[in-house]
Amino acid sequence: MTTVRIRLIAIAAVFVGATACANTGGGPRMTTITSDPAGATVSVDGYGKCETPCTLALAEDADILIAKAGFEPFRMTAPGARRKLTVKLELAAPTEDVEETSLPAL
């Protein structure tokens, strides 16, 4: 083997080793977040990030809020080593009484 080829192999081995260490440590991990229903907004540490389904790099101590109009917001701390998180959002209870006159006629 030539010296250049040996150096390239050594550099590749170091890169793969460093990447593996970074993914098993306490740093951010890629997590795919889905919701039922889809289209919820995911914010991390108070900043809007994406609409479900989406994939984010999450630190272990990140505060996550998943919200959609008409549904109760879902709050949690980052799911640690989980690669996939699926959240079923619950319908929000009505906040006002519905008047009979506002209902469509049958």
Protein backbone atom coordinates (compact mmCIF):
# COMPACT_ATOMS: atom_id res chain seq x y z
CA MET A 1 0.00 0.00 0.00
CA THR A 2 1.11 3.50 -0.63
CA THR A 3 1.68 5.97 2.19
CA VAL A 4 -1.20 8.16 0.98
CA ARG A 5 -3.62 5.23 1.03
CA ILE A 6 -2.53 4.23 4.56
CA ARG A 7 -3.04 7.81 5.76
CA LEU A 8 -6.51 7.95 4.21
CA ILE A 9 -7.48 4.69 5.92
CA ALA A 10 -6.13 5.96 9.25
CA ILE A 11 -8.04 9.26 8.90
CA ALA A 12 -11.24 7.40 8.04
CA ALA A 13 -10.82 5.13 11.09
CA VAL A 14 -10.32 8.12 13.39
CA PHE A 15 -13.37 9.88 11.91
CA VAL A 16 -15.60 6.82 12.35
CA GLY A 17 -14.35 6.35 15.93
CA ALA A 18 -14.96 10.01 16.80
CA THR A 19 -18.43 9.92 15.29
CA ALA A 20 -19.34 6.79 17.23
CA CYS A 21 -18.15 8.39 20.49
CA ALA A 22 -20.14 11.54 19.79
CA ASN A 23 -23.33 9.55 19.23
CA THR A 24 -23.04 7.50 22.44
CA GLY A 25 -22.12 10.39 24.73
CA GLY A 26 -24.34 13.02 26.29
CA GLY A 27 -24.54 15.20 23.19
CA PRO A 28 -27.50 15.73 20.87
CA ARG A 29 -29.20 12.68 19.38
CA MET A 30 -31.32 12.56 16.25
CA THR A 31 -34.93 11.82 17.17
CA THR A 32 -37.88 11.51 14.79
CA ILE A 33 -41.05 13.00 16.27
CA THR A 34 -44.49 12.09 14.94
CA SER A 35 -47.90 13.05 16.27
CA ASP A 36 -51.47 11.84 15.92
CA PRO A 37 -52.82 13.96 14.31
CA ALA A 38 -49.87 15.03 12.18
CA GLY A 39 -49.02 18.68 11.62
CA ALA A 40 -48.34 19.67 15.23
CA THR A 41 -45.69 22.29 15.94
CA VAL A 42 -42.66 21.06 17.87
CA SER A 43 -40.70 23.63 19.85
CA VAL A 44 -37.50 22.90 21.74
CA ASP A 45 -36.48 25.06 24.70
CA GLY A 46 -39.09 27.65 23.66
CA TYR A 47 -38.05 27.99 20.02
CA GLY A 48 -40.18 26.77 17.09
CA LYS A 49 -38.40 24.03 15.21
CA CYS A 50 -40.61 21.98 12.91
CA GLU A 51 -43.99 20.50 12.09
CA THR A 52 -44.59 16.80 12.70
CA PRO A 53 -43.40 14.46 11.38
CA CYS A 54 -39.86 15.80 11.68
CA THR A 55 -36.37 14.82 12.83
CA LEU A 56 -34.36 16.92 15.30
CA ALA A 57 -31.05 16.76 17.15
CA LEU A 58 -32.08 16.81 20.83
CA ALA A 59 -29.89 17.27 23.88
CA GLU A 60 -30.86 15.08 26.86
CA ASP A 61 -32.09 18.05 28.91
CA ALA A 62 -34.12 19.78 26.16
CA ASP A 63 -37.68 20.85 27.00
CA ILE A 64 -40.07 19.80 24.23
CA LEU A 65 -43.54 21.20 23.55
CA ILE A 66 -45.77 19.60 20.90
CA ALA A 67 -48.90 21.64 20.17
CA LYS A 68 -51.71 21.84 17.63
CA ALA A 69 -54.78 24.08 17.58
CA GLY A 70 -57.78 22.31 19.15
CA PHE A 71 -55.62 19.83 21.09
CA GLU A 72 -54.06 19.79 24.55
CA PRO A 73 -50.33 20.68 24.39
CA PHE A 74 -47.90 17.87 25.21
CA ARG A 75 -44.77 18.74 27.25
CA MET A 76 -41.81 16.55 28.10
CA THR A 77 -38.05 16.43 28.56
CA ALA A 78 -36.07 15.00 25.62
CA PRO A 79 -36.56 11.23 25.32
CA GLY A 80 -32.89 10.35 25.92
CA ALA A 81 -31.68 7.56 23.67
CA ARG A 82 -34.98 7.10 21.82
CA ARG A 83 -34.67 7.45 18.07
CA LYS A 84 -38.42 7.75 17.51
CA LEU A 85 -41.11 9.47 19.55
CA THR A 86 -44.82 9.22 18.73
CA VAL A 87 -47.31 11.40 20.63
CA LYS A 88 -51.11 11.04 20.54
CA LEU A 89 -52.57 14.49 21.15
CA GLU A 90 -55.80 14.71 23.13
CA LEU A 91 -58.68 16.93 21.97
CA ALA A 92 -59.07 20.06 24.07
CA ALA A 93 -62.34 20.42 25.99
CA PRO A 94 -64.67 23.17 24.79
CA THR A 95 -64.23 26.38 26.75
CA GLU A 96 -67.69 27.92 26.10
CA ASP A 97 -71.24 26.60 25.95
CA VAL A 98 -72.63 26.15 22.46
CA GLU A 99 -75.92 27.94 21.81
CA GLU A 100 -78.61 25.92 20.06
CA THR A 101 -79.22 28.73 17.59
CA SER A 102 -75.65 28.53 16.33
CA LEU A 103 -75.97 24.86 15.35
CA PRO A 104 -76.81 24.05 11.70
CA ALA A 105 -80.41 23.07 11.00
CA LEU A 106 -81.00 19.42 10.24
